[in-house]
PDB file of N, CA and C in Angstrom:
ATOM      1  N   MET A   1      17.927  35.852-192.843  1.00  0.00           N
ATOM      2  CA  MET A   1      18.174  36.067-191.214  1.00  0.00           C
ATOM      3  C   MET A   1      18.784  34.867-190.261  1.00  0.00           C
ATOM      4  N   ALA A   2      19.772  34.773-190.063  1.00  0.00           N
ATOM      5  CA  ALA A   2      19.924  33.227-189.541  1.00  0.00           C
ATOM      6  C   ALA A   2      19.420  33.744-187.688  1.00  0.00           C
ATOM      7  N   SER A   3      19.501  32.455-187.535  1.00  0.00           N
ATOM      8  CA  SER A   3      18.099  32.399-186.149  1.00  0.00           C
ATOM      9  C   SER A   3      18.578  31.138-185.438  1.00  0.00           C
ATOM     10  N   SER A   4      18.924  31.303-184.412  1.00  0.00           N
ATOM     11  CA  SER A   4      19.121  29.715-183.256  1.00  0.00           C
ATOM     12  C   SER A   4      18.523  28.234-183.242  1.00  0.00           C
ATOM     13  N   SER A   5      17.366  29.185-183.333  1.00  0.00           N
ATOM     14  CA  SER A   5      16.012  27.984-183.442  1.00  0.00           C
ATOM     15  C   SER A   5      15.268  28.861-184.436  1.00  0.00           C
ATOM     16  N   PRO A   6      15.223  27.464-185.266  1.00  0.00           N
ATOM     17  CA  PRO A   6      14.033  27.445-186.416  1.00  0.00           C
ATOM     18  C   PRO A   6      13.070  28.363-185.948  1.00  0.00           C
ATOM     19  N   LEU A   7      12.087  29.191-187.073  1.00  0.00           N
ATOM     20  CA  LEU A   7      11.398  29.245-187.147  1.00  0.00           C
ATOM     21  C   LEU A   7       9.703  28.143-187.129  1.00  0.00           C
ATOM     22  N   SER A   8       9.125  28.535-186.590  1.00  0.00           N
ATOM     23  CA  SER A   8       7.633  27.211-187.196  1.00  0.00           C
ATOM     24  C   SER A   8       7.198  27.629-188.734  1.00  0.00           C
ATOM     25  N   LEU A   9       6.738  27.130-189.384  1.00  0.00           N
ATOM     26  CA  LEU A   9       6.292  27.049-190.746  1.00  0.00           C
ATOM     27  C   LEU A   9       5.914  28.714-190.685  1.00  0.00           C
ATOM     28  N   SER A  10       4.268  28.883-190.389  1.00  0.00           N
ATOM     29  CA  SER A  10       3.922  29.746-190.304  1.00  0.00           C
ATOM     30  C   SER A  10       4.554  30.779-190.106  1.00  0.00           C
ATOM     31  N   ARG A  11       5.124  30.671-189.304  1.00  0.00           N
ATOM     32  CA  ARG A  11       6.027  32.232-188.754  1.00  0.00           C
ATOM     33  C   ARG A  11       7.031  32.430-190.001  1.00  0.00           C
ATOM     34  N   GLY A  12       7.607  31.263-190.104  1.00  0.00           N
ATOM     35  CA  GLY A  12       8.915  31.929-191.151  1.00  0.00           C
ATOM     36  C   GLY A  12       8.095  32.458-192.590  1.00  0.00           C
ATOM     37  N   PHE A  13       6.883  32.308-192.935  1.00  0.00           N
ATOM     38  CA  PHE A  13       6.330  32.691-193.991  1.00  0.00           C
ATOM     39  C   PHE A  13       5.942  34.209-193.610  1.00  0.00           C
ATOM     40  N   ILE A  14       5.053  34.532-192.163  1.00  0.00           N
ATOM     41  CA  ILE A  14       4.953  35.643-191.935  1.00  0.00           C
ATOM     42  C   ILE A  14       6.266  37.108-191.709  1.00  0.00           C
ATOM     43  N   VAL A  15       7.460  36.209-191.148  1.00  0.00           N
ATOM     44  CA  VAL A  15       8.277  37.153-191.640  1.00  0.00           C
ATOM     45  C   VAL A  15       9.231  37.455-193.450  1.00  0.00           C
ATOM     46  N   GLU A  16       8.596  36.644-193.849  1.00  0.00           N
ATOM     47  CA  GLU A  16       8.888  36.513-195.076  1.00  0.00           C
ATOM     48  C   GLU A  16       8.090  37.952-196.061  1.00  0.00           C
ATOM     49  N   GLN A  17       6.325  37.349-195.668  1.00  0.00           N
ATOM     50  CA  GLN A  17       5.936  38.394-195.731  1.00  0.00           C
ATOM     51  C   GLN A  17       6.438  39.887-195.468  1.00  0.00           C
ATOM     52  N   TYR A  18       6.769  40.331-194.283  1.00  0.00           N
ATOM     53  CA  TYR A  18       6.914  41.470-193.670  1.00  0.00           C
ATOM     54  C   TYR A  18       8.686  41.987-194.312  1.00  0.00           C
ATOM     55  N   SER A  19       9.247  40.723-194.446  1.00  0.00           N
ATOM     56  CA  SER A  19      10.379  41.392-195.415  1.00  0.00           C
ATOM     57  C   SER A  19      10.468  41.676-196.160  1.00  0.00           C
ATOM     58  N   ARG A  20       9.639  41.350-197.244  1.00  0.00           N
ATOM     59  CA  ARG A  20       9.173  41.391-199.030  1.00  0.00           C
ATOM     60  C   ARG A  20       8.533  43.100-198.617  1.00  0.00           C
ATOM     61  N   VAL A  21       7.386  43.465-197.654  1.00  0.00           N
ATOM     62  CA  VAL A  21       6.643  44.958-197.344  1.00  0.00           C
ATOM     63  C   VAL A  21       8.109  46.044-196.669  1.00  0.00           C
ATOM     64  N   ILE A  22       8.798  45.787-196.218  1.00  0.00           N
ATOM     65  CA  ILE A  22      10.182  46.290-195.767  1.00  0.00           C
ATOM     66  C   ILE A  22      11.395  46.569-197.427  1.00  0.00           C
ATOM     67  N   ASP A  23      11.212  45.267-197.644  1.00  0.00           N
ATOM     68  CA  ASP A  23      12.301  45.682-199.136  1.00  0.00           C
ATOM     69  C   ASP A  23      11.395  46.641-199.839  1.00  0.00           C
ATOM     70  N   ARG A  24      10.233  47.071-200.236  1.00  0.00           N
ATOM     71  CA  ARG A  24       9.656  47.592-201.148  1.00  0.00           C
ATOM     72  C   ARG A  24       9.648  49.038-200.807  1.00  0.00           C
ATOM     73  N   CYS A  25       9.689  49.060-199.641  1.00  0.00           N
ATOM     74  CA  CYS A  25       9.402  50.446-198.868  1.00  0.00           C
ATOM     75  C   CYS A  25      10.407  51.330-199.370  1.00  0.00           C
ATOM     76  N   GLN A  26       9.842  52.603-199.941  1.00  0.00           N
ATOM     77  CA  GLN A  26      11.175  53.479-200.396  1.00  0.00           C
ATOM     78  C   GLN A  26      10.803  54.946-199.215  1.00  0.00           C
ATOM     79  N   ASP A  27      10.118  54.650-198.227  1.00  0.00           N
ATOM     80  CA  ASP A  27       9.789  56.228-197.282  1.00  0.00           C
ATOM     81  C   ASP A  27      10.889  56.018-196.435  1.00  0.00           C
ATOM     82  N   VAL A  28      11.672  56.851-195.935  1.00  0.00           N
ATOM     83  CA  VAL A  28      12.583  56.096-195.335  1.00  0.00           C
ATOM     84  C   VAL A  28      11.824  57.031-193.678  1.00  0.00           C
ATOM     85  N   GLU A  29      11.615  57.789-193.432  1.00  0.00           N
ATOM     86  CA  GLU A  29      10.736  57.713-192.515  1.00  0.00           C
ATOM     87  C   GLU A  29       9.762  57.057-192.255  1.00  0.00           C
ATOM     88  N   GLU A  30       8.973  56.159-192.765  1.00  0.00           N
ATOM     89  CA  GLU A  30       8.213  54.770-192.496  1.00  0.00           C
ATOM     90  C   GLU A  30       9.415  53.685-191.865  1.00  0.00           C
ATOM     91  N   LEU A  31      10.608  53.711-192.783  1.00  0.00           N
ATOM     92  CA  LEU A  31      11.485  53.039-192.689  1.00  0.00           C
ATOM     93  C   LEU A  31      11.633  52.969-191.041  1.00  0.00           C
ATOM     94  N   ARG A  32      12.196  54.742-190.866  1.00  0.00           N
ATOM     95  CA  ARG A  32      12.809  54.805-189.117  1.00  0.00           C
ATOM     96  C   ARG A  32      11.512  54.624-188.596  1.00  0.00           C
ATOM     97  N   SER A  33      10.577  54.812-188.751  1.00  0.00           N
ATOM     98  CA  SER A  33       9.627  54.468-187.487  1.00  0.00           C
ATOM     99  C   SER A  33       9.446  53.155-187.180  1.00  0.00           C
ATOM    100  N   LEU A  34       9.312  51.908-188.524  1.00  0.00           N
ATOM    101  CA  LEU A  34       9.373  50.502-188.218  1.00  0.00           C
ATOM    102  C   LEU A  34      10.238  50.298-187.458  1.00  0.00           C
ATOM    103  N   ALA A  35      11.581  51.030-187.516  1.00  0.00           N
ATOM    104  CA  ALA A  35      12.819  50.148-186.705  1.00  0.00           C
ATOM    105  C   ALA A  35      12.420  50.176-185.467  1.00  0.00           C
ATOM    106  N   LYS A  36      12.238  52.006-185.452  1.00  0.00           N
ATOM    107  CA  LYS A  36      11.810  52.191-183.857  1.00  0.00           C
ATOM    108  C   LYS A  36      10.795  51.455-182.868  1.00  0.00           C
ATOM    109  N   LEU A  37       9.749  51.413-183.679  1.00  0.00           N
ATOM    110  CA  LEU A  37       8.984  50.001-183.218  1.00  0.00           C
ATOM    111  C   LEU A  37       9.606  48.561-182.635  1.00  0.00           C
ATOM    112  N   LEU A  38      10.432  48.357-183.975  1.00  0.00           N
ATOM    113  CA  LEU A  38      10.917  47.034-183.630  1.00  0.00           C
ATOM    114  C   LEU A  38      11.962  46.837-182.909  1.00  0.00           C
ATOM    115  N   LEU A  39      12.311  47.480-182.494  1.00  0.00           N
ATOM    116  CA  LEU A  39      12.969  48.307-181.042  1.00  0.00           C
ATOM    117  C   LEU A  39      12.838  47.808-179.572  1.00  0.00           C
ATOM    118  N   LYS A  40      11.341  49.152-180.075  1.00  0.00           N
ATOM    119  CA  LYS A  40      10.728  48.898-178.565  1.00  0.00           C
ATOM    120  C   LYS A  40      10.260  47.548-178.362  1.00  0.00           C
ATOM    121  N   VAL A  41       9.663  46.534-179.474  1.00  0.00           N
ATOM    122  CA  VAL A  41       9.035  45.395-179.323  1.00  0.00           C
ATOM    123  C   VAL A  41       9.698  44.060-178.815  1.00  0.00           C
ATOM    124  N   TRP A  42      11.243  44.197-179.298  1.00  0.00           N
ATOM    125  CA  TRP A  42      12.328  43.817-178.395  1.00  0.00           C
ATOM    126  C   TRP A  42      12.538  43.761-177.846  1.00  0.00           C
ATOM    127  N   ARG A  43      12.729  45.064-177.071  1.00  0.00           N
ATOM    128  CA  ARG A  43      13.139  45.669-175.540  1.00  0.00           C
ATOM    129  C   ARG A  43      12.151  44.704-174.797  1.00  0.00           C
ATOM    130  N   GLN A  44      10.488  44.963-174.916  1.00  0.00           N
ATOM    131  CA  GLN A  44      10.383  44.565-173.947  1.00  0.00           C
ATOM    132  C   GLN A  44       9.943  42.957-174.143  1.00  0.00           C
ATOM    133  N   GLN A  45       9.939  42.226-174.934  1.00  0.00           N
ATOM    134  CA  GLN A  45      10.042  41.112-175.356  1.00  0.00           C
ATOM    135  C   GLN A  45      11.226  40.759-174.377  1.00  0.00           C
ATOM    136  N   ALA A  46      12.398  40.855-174.569  1.00  0.00           N
ATOM    137  CA  ALA A  46      14.079  40.657-173.659  1.00  0.00           C
ATOM    138  C   ALA A  46      13.257  41.076-172.419  1.00  0.00           C
ATOM    139  N   ASP A  47      12.895  42.283-172.145  1.00  0.00           N
ATOM    140  CA  ASP A  47      12.183  42.293-170.704  1.00  0.00           C
ATOM    141  C   ASP A  47      11.256  41.136-169.777  1.00  0.00           C
ATOM    142  N   PHE A  48      10.500  40.390-170.620  1.00  0.00           N
ATOM    143  CA  PHE A  48       9.774  39.819-170.376  1.00  0.00           C
ATOM    144  C   PHE A  48      10.083  38.780-170.618  1.00  0.00           C
ATOM    145  N   ASN A  49      11.062  38.337-170.982  1.00  0.00           N
ATOM    146  CA  ASN A  49      11.550  37.077-170.882  1.00  0.00           C
ATOM    147  C   ASN A  49      12.847  37.174-169.684  1.00  0.00           C
ATOM    148  N   GLU A  50      13.676  38.210-169.845  1.00  0.00           N
ATOM    149  CA  GLU A  50      14.034  37.798-168.283  1.00  0.00           C
ATOM    150  C   GLU A  50      13.171  37.858-166.639  1.00  0.00           C
ATOM    151  N   HIS A  51      12.232  38.492-167.195  1.00  0.00           N
ATOM    152  CA  HIS A  51      11.696  38.065-165.881  1.00  0.00           C
ATOM    153  C   HIS A  51      10.913  37.300-165.481  1.00  0.00           C
ATOM    154  N   TYR A  52      10.243  36.063-166.383  1.00  0.00           N
ATOM    155  CA  TYR A  52      10.287  35.314-166.638  1.00  0.00           C
ATOM    156  C   TYR A  52      10.974  34.343-166.275  1.00  0.00           C
ATOM    157  N   GLY A  53      11.976  34.110-166.552  1.00  0.00           N
ATOM    158  CA  GLY A  53      12.836  33.483-166.795  1.00  0.00           C
ATOM    159  C   GLY A  53      13.814  33.083-164.870  1.00  0.00           C
ATOM    160  N   ALA A  54      13.367  34.675-164.349  1.00  0.00           N
ATOM    161  CA  ALA A  54      13.671  35.071-163.186  1.00  0.00           C
ATOM    162  C   ALA A  54      12.381  34.423-162.014  1.00  0.00           C
ATOM    163  N   GLN A  55      11.609  34.188-162.516  1.00  0.00           N
ATOM    164  CA  GLN A  55      10.236  33.821-162.214  1.00  0.00           C
ATOM    165  C   GLN A  55      10.690  32.276-161.790  1.00  0.00           C
ATOM    166  N   MET A  56      10.806  31.762-162.654  1.00  0.00           N
ATOM    167  CA  MET A  56      10.808  30.260-163.004  1.00  0.00           C
ATOM    168  C   MET A  56      12.449  29.779-162.317  1.00  0.00           C
ATOM    169  N   LEU A  57      13.179  30.755-162.205  1.00  0.00           N
ATOM    170  CA  LEU A  57      14.882  30.000-161.595  1.00  0.00           C
ATOM    171  C   LEU A  57      14.135  30.937-160.325  1.00  0.00           C
ATOM    172  N   GLN A  58      13.402  31.257-159.618  1.00  0.00           N
ATOM    173  CA  GLN A  58      13.439  31.318-158.182  1.00  0.00           C
ATOM    174  C   GLN A  58      14.262  32.722-157.736  1.00  0.00           C
ATOM    175  N   VAL A  59      14.792  33.919-158.616  1.00  0.00           N
ATOM    176  CA  VAL A  59      15.620  34.656-158.188  1.00  0.00           C
ATOM    177  C   VAL A  59      15.492  36.011-159.194  1.00  0.00           C
ATOM    178  N   ARG A  60      15.317  36.750-158.329  1.00  0.00           N
ATOM    179  CA  ARG A  60      15.375  38.635-158.758  1.00  0.00           C
ATOM    180  C   ARG A  60      16.022  38.697-160.419  1.00  0.00           C
ATOM    181  N   PRO A  61      15.020  39.466-161.329  1.00  0.00           N
ATOM    182  CA  PRO A  61      15.498  39.535-162.728  1.00  0.00           C
ATOM    183  C   PRO A  61      17.219  40.189-162.537  1.00  0.00           C
ATOM    184  N   THR A  62      17.630  40.995-161.429  1.00  0.00           N
ATOM    185  CA  THR A  62      18.104  41.836-161.454  1.00  0.00           C
ATOM    186  C   THR A  62      19.654  41.202-161.224  1.00  0.00           C
ATOM    187  N   ASP A  63      19.002  39.951-160.888  1.00  0.00           N
ATOM    188  CA  ASP A  63      20.391  39.181-160.242  1.00  0.00           C
ATOM    189  C   ASP A  63      20.965  38.079-161.406  1.00  0.00           C
ATOM    190  N   MET A  64      20.024  38.521-162.839  1.00  0.00           N
ATOM    191  CA  MET A  64      20.353  36.786-163.415  1.00  0.00           C
ATOM    192  C   MET A  64      21.297  38.109-164.358  1.00  0.00           C
ATOM    193  N   GLY A  65      22.716  36.976-164.753  1.00  0.00           N
ATOM    194  CA  GLY A  65      23.524  37.286-165.335  1.00  0.00           C
ATOM    195  C   GLY A  65      24.522  37.989-164.778  1.00  0.00           C
ATOM    196  N   GLN A  66      24.453  38.250-164.040  1.00  0.00           N
ATOM    197  CA  GLN A  66      25.481  39.063-162.445  1.00  0.00           C
ATOM    198  C   GLN A  66      26.736  37.820-161.943  1.00  0.00           C
ATOM    199  N   SER A  67      27.620  38.584-161.781  1.00  0.00           N
ATOM    200  CA  SER A  67      28.476  37.488-161.284  1.00  0.00           C
ATOM    201  C   SER A  67      28.776  37.181-159.615  1.00  0.00           C
ATOM    202  N   THR A  68      29.491  36.490-159.252  1.00  0.00           N
ATOM    203  CA  THR A  68      28.782  36.683-157.628  1.00  0.00           C
ATOM    204  C   THR A  68      30.630  37.288-156.659  1.00  0.00           C
ATOM    205  N   PRO A  69      30.732  37.270-156.423  1.00  0.00           N
ATOM    206  CA  PRO A  69      31.557  38.188-155.928  1.00  0.00           C
ATOM    207  C   PRO A  69      32.954  37.259-155.348  1.00  0.00           C
TER     208      PRO A  69
END
């Protein structure tokens, strides 16, 4: 998986470890559950980043990424 920023060595090992677990999984329901969990965590992280970035820029999170008329 390509990324815009390189992972630290320890994080890269963790990603590889879990990638191998996913590759070995034969249970479709387990994979669905994992995919939903990852989607939820990804969205929470994106929301956190948006709010943190807005706080640092001293703007409301809903103002970020919106064009002005």
